[in-house]
Amino acid sequence: MAAVEQHQAEVDAAGERWRDSLAQLEYAERHGESPTEVERLANEVIEARVAMFQSGLQSGWALPAFLQSALDRDRWLLEVDPAALDEIVGSGRAD
């Protein structure tokens, strides 16, 4: 039983990390932080969300398809070079 409680504590800590990083990002956006700082905080939010989902999955969460696709997208975003992402996003713009 102690292992289950310990793992639940890890899931809870991962969730708290995600909520805290999201709050920091929202605060930075509202208060006009530099784009570099906002990007750094956004990366922290994504990393924390991925860690939360992974921890939850290890404890037996069954993710619905839309959450699994969001997790896959988050992992991809963490691996993409920002310049390449700008190019991908820019290629979808109508001129």
PDB file of N, CA and C in Angstrom:
ATOM      1  N   MET A   1       0.813  -1.189   0.000  1.00  0.00           N
ATOM      2  CA  MET A   1       0.000   0.000   0.000  1.00  0.00           C
ATOM      3  C   MET A   1       0.860   1.258   0.000  1.00  0.00           C
ATOM      4  N   ALA A   2       2.020   1.226   0.628  1.00  0.00           N
ATOM      5  CA  ALA A   2       2.889   2.402   0.713  1.00  0.00           C
ATOM      6  C   ALA A   2       3.380   2.816  -0.667  1.00  0.00           C
ATOM      7  N   ALA A   3       3.649   1.845  -1.547  1.00  0.00           N
ATOM      8  CA  ALA A   3       4.105   2.164  -2.902  1.00  0.00           C
ATOM      9  C   ALA A   3       3.023   2.908  -3.673  1.00  0.00           C
ATOM     10  N   VAL A   4       1.764   2.507  -3.499  1.00  0.00           N
ATOM     11  CA  VAL A   4       0.645   3.171  -4.170  1.00  0.00           C
ATOM     12  C   VAL A   4       0.522   4.606  -3.664  1.00  0.00           C
ATOM     13  N   GLU A   5       0.634   4.782  -2.350  1.00  0.00           N
ATOM     14  CA  GLU A   5       0.549   6.125  -1.773  1.00  0.00           C
ATOM     15  C   GLU A   5       1.704   6.998  -2.246  1.00  0.00           C
ATOM     16  N   GLN A   6       2.901   6.414  -2.338  1.00  0.00           N
ATOM     17  CA  GLN A   6       4.056   7.174  -2.815  1.00  0.00           C
ATOM     18  C   GLN A   6       3.851   7.591  -4.265  1.00  0.00           C
ATOM     19  N   HIS A   7       3.353   6.673  -5.080  1.00  0.00           N
ATOM     20  CA  HIS A   7       3.134   7.005  -6.485  1.00  0.00           C
ATOM     21  C   HIS A   7       2.051   8.073  -6.626  1.00  0.00           C
ATOM     22  N   GLN A   8       1.007   7.991  -5.812  1.00  0.00           N
ATOM     23  CA  GLN A   8      -0.034   9.021  -5.850  1.00  0.00           C
ATOM     24  C   GLN A   8       0.546  10.371  -5.454  1.00  0.00           C
ATOM     25  N   ALA A   9       1.457  10.376  -4.497  1.00  0.00           N
ATOM     26  CA  ALA A   9       2.102  11.627  -4.091  1.00  0.00           C
ATOM     27  C   ALA A   9       2.909  12.201  -5.255  1.00  0.00           C
ATOM     28  N   GLU A  10       3.546  11.333  -6.046  1.00  0.00           N
ATOM     29  CA  GLU A  10       4.300  11.783  -7.220  1.00  0.00           C
ATOM     30  C   GLU A  10       3.360  12.372  -8.271  1.00  0.00           C
ATOM     31  N   VAL A  11       2.213  11.730  -8.472  1.00  0.00           N
ATOM     32  CA  VAL A  11       1.217  12.243  -9.420  1.00  0.00           C
ATOM     33  C   VAL A  11       0.716  13.603  -8.952  1.00  0.00           C
ATOM     34  N   ASP A  12       0.419  13.713  -7.666  1.00  0.00           N
ATOM     35  CA  ASP A  12      -0.051  14.980  -7.113  1.00  0.00           C
ATOM     36  C   ASP A  12       1.008  16.074  -7.265  1.00  0.00           C
ATOM     37  N   ALA A  13       2.271  15.735  -7.013  1.00  0.00           N
ATOM     38  CA  ALA A  13       3.352  16.717  -7.148  1.00  0.00           C
ATOM     39  C   ALA A  13       3.500  17.156  -8.604  1.00  0.00           C
ATOM     40  N   ALA A  14       3.370  16.217  -9.529  1.00  0.00           N
ATOM     41  CA  ALA A  14       3.454  16.560 -10.953  1.00  0.00           C
ATOM     42  C   ALA A  14       2.313  17.485 -11.349  1.00  0.00           C
ATOM     43  N   GLY A  15       1.123  17.233 -10.838  1.00  0.00           N
ATOM     44  CA  GLY A  15      -0.020  18.103 -11.107  1.00  0.00           C
ATOM     45  C   GLY A  15       0.183  19.494 -10.530  1.00  0.00           C
ATOM     46  N   GLU A  16       0.748  19.560  -9.340  1.00  0.00           N
ATOM     47  CA  GLU A  16       1.017  20.858  -8.719  1.00  0.00           C
ATOM     48  C   GLU A  16       2.069  21.626  -9.517  1.00  0.00           C
ATOM     49  N   ARG A  17       3.097  20.925  -9.978  1.00  0.00           N
ATOM     50  CA  ARG A  17       4.131  21.576 -10.802  1.00  0.00           C
ATOM     51  C   ARG A  17       3.503  22.157 -12.066  1.00  0.00           C
ATOM     52  N   TRP A  18       2.599  21.409 -12.701  1.00  0.00           N
ATOM     53  CA  TRP A  18       1.940  21.896 -13.919  1.00  0.00           C
ATOM     54  C   TRP A  18       1.088  23.126 -13.615  1.00  0.00           C
ATOM     55  N   ARG A  19       0.295  23.070 -12.552  1.00  0.00           N
ATOM     56  CA  ARG A  19      -0.549  24.221 -12.202  1.00  0.00           C
ATOM     57  C   ARG A  19       0.293  25.458 -11.879  1.00  0.00           C
ATOM     58  N   ASP A  20       1.399  25.258 -11.148  1.00  0.00           N
ATOM     59  CA  ASP A  20       2.270  26.384 -10.805  1.00  0.00           C
ATOM     60  C   ASP A  20       2.921  26.988 -12.048  1.00  0.00           C
ATOM     61  N   SER A  21       3.396  26.143 -12.949  1.00  0.00           N
ATOM     62  CA  SER A  21       4.050  26.660 -14.151  1.00  0.00           C
ATOM     63  C   SER A  21       3.045  27.369 -15.047  1.00  0.00           C
ATOM     64  N   LEU A  22       1.824  26.864 -15.108  1.00  0.00           N
ATOM     65  CA  LEU A  22       0.769  27.522 -15.888  1.00  0.00           C
ATOM     66  C   LEU A  22       0.446  28.898 -15.299  1.00  0.00           C
ATOM     67  N   ALA A  23       0.374  28.986 -13.990  1.00  0.00           N
ATOM     68  CA  ALA A  23       0.101  30.275 -13.336  1.00  0.00           C
ATOM     69  C   ALA A  23       1.230  31.274 -13.604  1.00  0.00           C
ATOM     70  N   GLN A  24       2.468  30.812 -13.573  1.00  0.00           N
ATOM     71  CA  GLN A  24       3.598  31.693 -13.859  1.00  0.00           C
ATOM     72  C   GLN A  24       3.555  32.197 -15.299  1.00  0.00           C
ATOM     73  N   LEU A  25       3.192  31.324 -16.225  1.00  0.00           N
ATOM     74  CA  LEU A  25       3.073  31.727 -17.626  1.00  0.00           C
ATOM     75  C   LEU A  25       1.975  32.768 -17.795  1.00  0.00           C
ATOM     76  N   GLU A  26       0.829  32.517 -17.222  1.00  0.00           N
ATOM     77  CA  GLU A  26      -0.285  33.466 -17.338  1.00  0.00           C
ATOM     78  C   GLU A  26       0.085  34.822 -16.735  1.00  0.00           C
ATOM     79  N   TYR A  27       0.772  34.814 -15.608  1.00  0.00           N
ATOM     80  CA  TYR A  27       1.205  36.060 -14.972  1.00  0.00           C
ATOM     81  C   TYR A  27       2.169  36.809 -15.898  1.00  0.00           C
ATOM     82  N   ALA A  28       3.132  36.099 -16.458  1.00  0.00           N
ATOM     83  CA  ALA A  28       4.120  36.720 -17.345  1.00  0.00           C
ATOM     84  C   ALA A  28       3.455  37.332 -18.570  1.00  0.00           C
ATOM     85  N   GLU A  29       2.486  36.614 -19.131  1.00  0.00           N
ATOM     86  CA  GLU A  29       1.785  37.138 -20.309  1.00  0.00           C
ATOM     87  C   GLU A  29       0.998  38.402 -19.956  1.00  0.00           C
ATOM     88  N   ARG A  30       0.332  38.392 -18.831  1.00  0.00           N
ATOM     89  CA  ARG A  30      -0.468  39.553 -18.412  1.00  0.00           C
ATOM     90  C   ARG A  30       0.393  40.770 -18.092  1.00  0.00           C
ATOM     91  N   HIS A  31       1.618  40.542 -17.641  1.00  0.00           N
ATOM     92  CA  HIS A  31       2.465  41.638 -17.189  1.00  0.00           C
ATOM     93  C   HIS A  31       3.561  42.004 -18.192  1.00  0.00           C
ATOM     94  N   GLY A  32       3.414  41.566 -19.434  1.00  0.00           N
ATOM     95  CA  GLY A  32       4.291  42.017 -20.505  1.00  0.00           C
ATOM     96  C   GLY A  32       5.729  41.553 -20.435  1.00  0.00           C
ATOM     97  N   GLU A  33       5.950  40.356 -19.932  1.00  0.00           N
ATOM     98  CA  GLU A  33       7.314  39.821 -19.936  1.00  0.00           C
ATOM     99  C   GLU A  33       7.814  39.700 -21.375  1.00  0.00           C
ATOM    100  N   SER A  34       9.105  39.592 -21.525  1.00  0.00           N
ATOM    101  CA  SER A  34       9.704  39.491 -22.858  1.00  0.00           C
ATOM    102  C   SER A  34       9.259  38.202 -23.540  1.00  0.00           C
ATOM    103  N   PRO A  35       9.239  38.207 -24.868  1.00  0.00           N
ATOM    104  CA  PRO A  35       8.881  36.980 -25.594  1.00  0.00           C
ATOM    105  C   PRO A  35       9.776  35.791 -25.227  1.00  0.00           C
ATOM    106  N   THR A  36      11.038  36.060 -24.968  1.00  0.00           N
ATOM    107  CA  THR A  36      11.964  34.983 -24.594  1.00  0.00           C
ATOM    108  C   THR A  36      11.546  34.350 -23.272  1.00  0.00           C
ATOM    109  N   GLU A  37      11.160  35.178 -22.305  1.00  0.00           N
ATOM    110  CA  GLU A  37      10.724  34.661 -21.007  1.00  0.00           C
ATOM    111  C   GLU A  37       9.401  33.915 -21.134  1.00  0.00           C
ATOM    112  N   VAL A  38       8.479  34.451 -21.923  1.00  0.00           N
ATOM    113  CA  VAL A  38       7.194  33.773 -22.126  1.00  0.00           C
ATOM    114  C   VAL A  38       7.423  32.414 -22.792  1.00  0.00           C
ATOM    115  N   GLU A  39       8.322  32.368 -23.769  1.00  0.00           N
ATOM    116  CA  GLU A  39       8.620  31.085 -24.421  1.00  0.00           C
ATOM    117  C   GLU A  39       9.228  30.096 -23.440  1.00  0.00           C
ATOM    118  N   ARG A  40      10.132  30.559 -22.587  1.00  0.00           N
ATOM    119  CA  ARG A  40      10.747  29.684 -21.584  1.00  0.00           C
ATOM    120  C   ARG A  40       9.677  29.123 -20.644  1.00  0.00           C
ATOM    121  N   LEU A  41       8.782  29.992 -20.196  1.00  0.00           N
ATOM    122  CA  LEU A  41       7.719  29.549 -19.300  1.00  0.00           C
ATOM    123  C   LEU A  41       6.744  28.613 -20.004  1.00  0.00           C
ATOM    124  N   ALA A  42       6.456  28.867 -21.273  1.00  0.00           N
ATOM    125  CA  ALA A  42       5.580  27.971 -22.037  1.00  0.00           C
ATOM    126  C   ALA A  42       6.201  26.588 -22.146  1.00  0.00           C
ATOM    127  N   ASN A  43       7.509  26.535 -22.358  1.00  0.00           N
ATOM    128  CA  ASN A  43       8.196  25.236 -22.400  1.00  0.00           C
ATOM    129  C   ASN A  43       8.080  24.515 -21.061  1.00  0.00           C
ATOM    130  N   GLU A  44       8.177  25.270 -19.964  1.00  0.00           N
ATOM    131  CA  GLU A  44       8.024  24.656 -18.642  1.00  0.00           C
ATOM    132  C   GLU A  44       6.625  24.077 -18.462  1.00  0.00           C
ATOM    133  N   VAL A  45       5.609  24.790 -18.959  1.00  0.00           N
ATOM    134  CA  VAL A  45       4.234  24.300 -18.859  1.00  0.00           C
ATOM    135  C   VAL A  45       4.102  22.983 -19.623  1.00  0.00           C
ATOM    136  N   ILE A  46       4.633  22.952 -20.836  1.00  0.00           N
ATOM    137  CA  ILE A  46       4.538  21.736 -21.645  1.00  0.00           C
ATOM    138  C   ILE A  46       5.275  20.592 -20.963  1.00  0.00           C
ATOM    139  N   GLU A  47       6.492  20.852 -20.494  1.00  0.00           N
ATOM    140  CA  GLU A  47       7.268  19.805 -19.819  1.00  0.00           C
ATOM    141  C   GLU A  47       6.534  19.292 -18.580  1.00  0.00           C
ATOM    142  N   ALA A  48       5.955  20.191 -17.810  1.00  0.00           N
ATOM    143  CA  ALA A  48       5.239  19.793 -16.599  1.00  0.00           C
ATOM    144  C   ALA A  48       3.992  18.987 -16.941  1.00  0.00           C
ATOM    145  N   ARG A  49       3.294  19.384 -18.007  1.00  0.00           N
ATOM    146  CA  ARG A  49       2.085  18.652 -18.414  1.00  0.00           C
ATOM    147  C   ARG A  49       2.451  17.243 -18.884  1.00  0.00           C
ATOM    148  N   VAL A  50       3.513  17.134 -19.659  1.00  0.00           N
ATOM    149  CA  VAL A  50       3.961  15.806 -20.111  1.00  0.00           C
ATOM    150  C   VAL A  50       4.331  14.944 -18.906  1.00  0.00           C
ATOM    151  N   ALA A  51       5.067  15.517 -17.963  1.00  0.00           N
ATOM    152  CA  ALA A  51       5.459  14.765 -16.759  1.00  0.00           C
ATOM    153  C   ALA A  51       4.239  14.337 -15.958  1.00  0.00           C
ATOM    154  N   MET A  52       3.244  15.214 -15.867  1.00  0.00           N
ATOM    155  CA  MET A  52       2.026  14.879 -15.130  1.00  0.00           C
ATOM    156  C   MET A  52       1.301  13.717 -15.807  1.00  0.00           C
ATOM    157  N   PHE A  53       1.143  13.793 -17.128  1.00  0.00           N
ATOM    158  CA  PHE A  53       0.470  12.706 -17.841  1.00  0.00           C
ATOM    159  C   PHE A  53       1.248  11.402 -17.714  1.00  0.00           C
ATOM    160  N   GLN A  54       2.570  11.469 -17.873  1.00  0.00           N
ATOM    161  CA  GLN A  54       3.372  10.247 -17.777  1.00  0.00           C
ATOM    162  C   GLN A  54       3.269   9.633 -16.392  1.00  0.00           C
ATOM    163  N   SER A  55       3.307  10.459 -15.378  1.00  0.00           N
ATOM    164  CA  SER A  55       3.180   9.964 -14.011  1.00  0.00           C
ATOM    165  C   SER A  55       1.803   9.344 -13.800  1.00  0.00           C
ATOM    166  N   GLY A  56       0.785  10.002 -14.321  1.00  0.00           N
ATOM    167  CA  GLY A  56      -0.569   9.468 -14.207  1.00  0.00           C
ATOM    168  C   GLY A  56      -0.736   8.144 -14.933  1.00  0.00           C
ATOM    169  N   LEU A  57      -0.152   8.059 -16.126  1.00  0.00           N
ATOM    170  CA  LEU A  57      -0.242   6.812 -16.889  1.00  0.00           C
ATOM    171  C   LEU A  57       0.433   5.669 -16.149  1.00  0.00           C
ATOM    172  N   GLN A  58       1.558   5.962 -15.499  1.00  0.00           N
ATOM    173  CA  GLN A  58       2.255   4.937 -14.729  1.00  0.00           C
ATOM    174  C   GLN A  58       1.429   4.466 -13.536  1.00  0.00           C
ATOM    175  N   SER A  59       0.536   5.327 -13.066  1.00  0.00           N
ATOM    176  CA  SER A  59      -0.295   4.933 -11.929  1.00  0.00           C
ATOM    177  C   SER A  59      -1.624   4.334 -12.374  1.00  0.00           C
ATOM    178  N   GLY A  60      -1.803   4.196 -13.700  1.00  0.00           N
ATOM    179  CA  GLY A  60      -2.992   3.507 -14.181  1.00  0.00           C
ATOM    180  C   GLY A  60      -4.035   4.370 -14.861  1.00  0.00           C
ATOM    181  N   TRP A  61      -3.739   5.650 -15.076  1.00  0.00           N
ATOM    182  CA  TRP A  61      -4.688   6.465 -15.821  1.00  0.00           C
ATOM    183  C   TRP A  61      -4.900   5.874 -17.200  1.00  0.00           C
ATOM    184  N   ALA A  62      -6.090   5.938 -17.687  1.00  0.00           N
ATOM    185  CA  ALA A  62      -6.394   5.577 -19.070  1.00  0.00           C
ATOM    186  C   ALA A  62      -6.770   6.879 -19.779  1.00  0.00           C
ATOM    187  N   LEU A  63      -5.887   7.343 -20.638  1.00  0.00           N
ATOM    188  CA  LEU A  63      -6.141   8.615 -21.304  1.00  0.00           C
ATOM    189  C   LEU A  63      -7.112   8.452 -22.459  1.00  0.00           C
ATOM    190  N   PRO A  64      -8.101   9.336 -22.548  1.00  0.00           N
ATOM    191  CA  PRO A  64      -8.950   9.344 -23.735  1.00  0.00           C
ATOM    192  C   PRO A  64      -8.101   9.716 -24.954  1.00  0.00           C
ATOM    193  N   ALA A  65      -8.570   9.397 -26.129  1.00  0.00           N
ATOM    194  CA  ALA A  65      -7.808   9.622 -27.361  1.00  0.00           C
ATOM    195  C   ALA A  65      -7.377  11.076 -27.515  1.00  0.00           C
ATOM    196  N   PHE A  66      -8.271  12.029 -27.180  1.00  0.00           N
ATOM    197  CA  PHE A  66      -7.906  13.435 -27.379  1.00  0.00           C
ATOM    198  C   PHE A  66      -6.764  13.858 -26.450  1.00  0.00           C
ATOM    199  N   LEU A  67      -6.692  13.280 -25.248  1.00  0.00           N
ATOM    200  CA  LEU A  67      -5.582  13.605 -24.359  1.00  0.00           C
ATOM    201  C   LEU A  67      -4.295  12.938 -24.815  1.00  0.00           C
ATOM    202  N   GLN A  68      -4.401  11.730 -25.341  1.00  0.00           N
ATOM    203  CA  GLN A  68      -3.205  11.065 -25.855  1.00  0.00           C
ATOM    204  C   GLN A  68      -2.637  11.857 -27.030  1.00  0.00           C
ATOM    205  N   SER A  69      -3.509  12.361 -27.917  1.00  0.00           N
ATOM    206  CA  SER A  69      -3.006  13.149 -29.047  1.00  0.00           C
ATOM    207  C   SER A  69      -2.406  14.465 -28.557  1.00  0.00           C
ATOM    208  N   ALA A  70      -2.964  15.059 -27.499  1.00  0.00           N
ATOM    209  CA  ALA A  70      -2.395  16.283 -26.930  1.00  0.00           C
ATOM    210  C   ALA A  70      -1.017  15.999 -26.339  1.00  0.00           C
ATOM    211  N   LEU A  71      -0.867  14.871 -25.675  1.00  0.00           N
ATOM    212  CA  LEU A  71       0.417  14.480 -25.109  1.00  0.00           C
ATOM    213  C   LEU A  71       1.435  14.263 -26.218  1.00  0.00           C
ATOM    214  N   ASP A  72       1.044  13.595 -27.279  1.00  0.00           N
ATOM    215  CA  ASP A  72       1.943  13.384 -28.417  1.00  0.00           C
ATOM    216  C   ASP A  72       2.364  14.722 -29.023  1.00  0.00           C
ATOM    217  N   ARG A  73       1.418  15.657 -29.147  1.00  0.00           N
ATOM    218  CA  ARG A  73       1.727  16.980 -29.697  1.00  0.00           C
ATOM    219  C   ARG A  73       2.693  17.719 -28.779  1.00  0.00           C
ATOM    220  N   ASP A  74       2.471  17.630 -27.466  1.00  0.00           N
ATOM    221  CA  ASP A  74       3.367  18.297 -26.518  1.00  0.00           C
ATOM    222  C   ASP A  74       4.785  17.752 -26.641  1.00  0.00           C
ATOM    223  N   ARG A  75       4.905  16.445 -26.737  1.00  0.00           N
ATOM    224  CA  ARG A  75       6.241  15.854 -26.898  1.00  0.00           C
ATOM    225  C   ARG A  75       6.898  16.377 -28.166  1.00  0.00           C
ATOM    226  N   TRP A  76       6.125  16.462 -29.251  1.00  0.00           N
ATOM    227  CA  TRP A  76       6.650  16.954 -30.520  1.00  0.00           C
ATOM    228  C   TRP A  76       7.092  18.409 -30.379  1.00  0.00           C
ATOM    229  N   LEU A  77       6.269  19.239 -29.716  1.00  0.00           N
ATOM    230  CA  LEU A  77       6.613  20.649 -29.544  1.00  0.00           C
ATOM    231  C   LEU A  77       7.906  20.825 -28.763  1.00  0.00           C
ATOM    232  N   LEU A  78       8.153  19.962 -27.793  1.00  0.00           N
ATOM    233  CA  LEU A  78       9.380  20.060 -27.018  1.00  0.00           C
ATOM    234  C   LEU A  78      10.606  19.705 -27.845  1.00  0.00           C
ATOM    235  N   GLU A  79      10.426  18.932 -28.901  1.00  0.00           N
ATOM    236  CA  GLU A  79      11.545  18.499 -29.724  1.00  0.00           C
ATOM    237  C   GLU A  79      11.795  19.404 -30.926  1.00  0.00           C
ATOM    238  N   VAL A  80      10.814  20.222 -31.311  1.00  0.00           N
ATOM    239  CA  VAL A  80      10.927  21.032 -32.519  1.00  0.00           C
ATOM    240  C   VAL A  80      11.768  22.276 -32.251  1.00  0.00           C
ATOM    241  N   ASP A  81      12.658  22.561 -33.179  1.00  0.00           N
ATOM    242  CA  ASP A  81      13.445  23.786 -33.140  1.00  0.00           C
ATOM    243  C   ASP A  81      12.504  24.969 -33.340  1.00  0.00           C
ATOM    244  N   PRO A  82      12.569  26.005 -32.498  1.00  0.00           N
ATOM    245  CA  PRO A  82      11.643  27.135 -32.637  1.00  0.00           C
ATOM    246  C   PRO A  82      11.646  27.765 -34.034  1.00  0.00           C
ATOM    247  N   ALA A  83      12.797  27.840 -34.680  1.00  0.00           N
ATOM    248  CA  ALA A  83      12.856  28.416 -36.030  1.00  0.00           C
ATOM    249  C   ALA A  83      12.083  27.541 -37.011  1.00  0.00           C
ATOM    250  N   ALA A  84      12.196  26.226 -36.852  1.00  0.00           N
ATOM    251  CA  ALA A  84      11.456  25.314 -37.728  1.00  0.00           C
ATOM    252  C   ALA A  84       9.964  25.434 -37.478  1.00  0.00           C
ATOM    253  N   LEU A  85       9.565  25.610 -36.226  1.00  0.00           N
ATOM    254  CA  LEU A  85       8.152  25.769 -35.896  1.00  0.00           C
ATOM    255  C   LEU A  85       7.606  27.052 -36.513  1.00  0.00           C
ATOM    256  N   ASP A  86       8.380  28.136 -36.434  1.00  0.00           N
ATOM    257  CA  ASP A  86       7.954  29.386 -37.071  1.00  0.00           C
ATOM    258  C   ASP A  86       7.746  29.185 -38.565  1.00  0.00           C
ATOM    259  N   GLU A  87       8.619  28.412 -39.166  1.00  0.00           N
ATOM    260  CA  GLU A  87       8.501  28.146 -40.608  1.00  0.00           C
ATOM    261  C   GLU A  87       7.258  27.318 -40.903  1.00  0.00           C
ATOM    262  N   ILE A  88       6.981  26.326 -40.072  1.00  0.00           N
ATOM    263  CA  ILE A  88       5.801  25.480 -40.260  1.00  0.00           C
ATOM    264  C   ILE A  88       4.533  26.318 -40.108  1.00  0.00           C
ATOM    265  N   VAL A  89       4.484  27.115 -39.057  1.00  0.00           N
ATOM    266  CA  VAL A  89       3.311  27.949 -38.802  1.00  0.00           C
ATOM    267  C   VAL A  89       3.170  29.000 -39.898  1.00  0.00           C
ATOM    268  N   GLY A  90       4.275  29.599 -40.287  1.00  0.00           N
ATOM    269  CA  GLY A  90       4.243  30.616 -41.325  1.00  0.00           C
ATOM    270  C   GLY A  90       3.809  30.087 -42.663  1.00  0.00           C
ATOM    271  N   SER A  91       4.101  28.821 -42.960  1.00  0.00           N
ATOM    272  CA  SER A  91       3.721  28.250 -44.259  1.00  0.00           C
ATOM    273  C   SER A  91       2.222  28.062 -44.382  1.00  0.00           C
ATOM    274  N   GLY A  92       1.506  28.095 -43.257  1.00  0.00           N
ATOM    275  CA  GLY A  92       0.056  27.930 -43.292  1.00  0.00           C
ATOM    276  C   GLY A  92      -0.697  29.240 -43.415  1.00  0.00           C
ATOM    277  N   ARG A  93       0.023  30.339 -43.426  1.00  0.00           N
ATOM    278  CA  ARG A  93      -0.627  31.647 -43.486  1.00  0.00           C
ATOM    279  C   ARG A  93      -1.066  31.965 -44.913  1.00  0.00           C
ATOM    280  N   ALA A  94      -2.211  32.608 -44.999  1.00  0.00           N
ATOM    281  CA  ALA A  94      -2.688  33.074 -46.310  1.00  0.00           C
ATOM    282  C   ALA A  94      -2.085  34.442 -46.570  1.00  0.00           C
ATOM    283  N   ASP A  95      -1.516  34.633 -47.740  1.00  0.00           N
ATOM    284  CA  ASP A  95      -0.907  35.930 -48.082  1.00  0.00           C
ATOM    285  C   ASP A  95      -1.859  36.820 -48.805  1.00  0.00           C
TER     286      ASP A  95
END
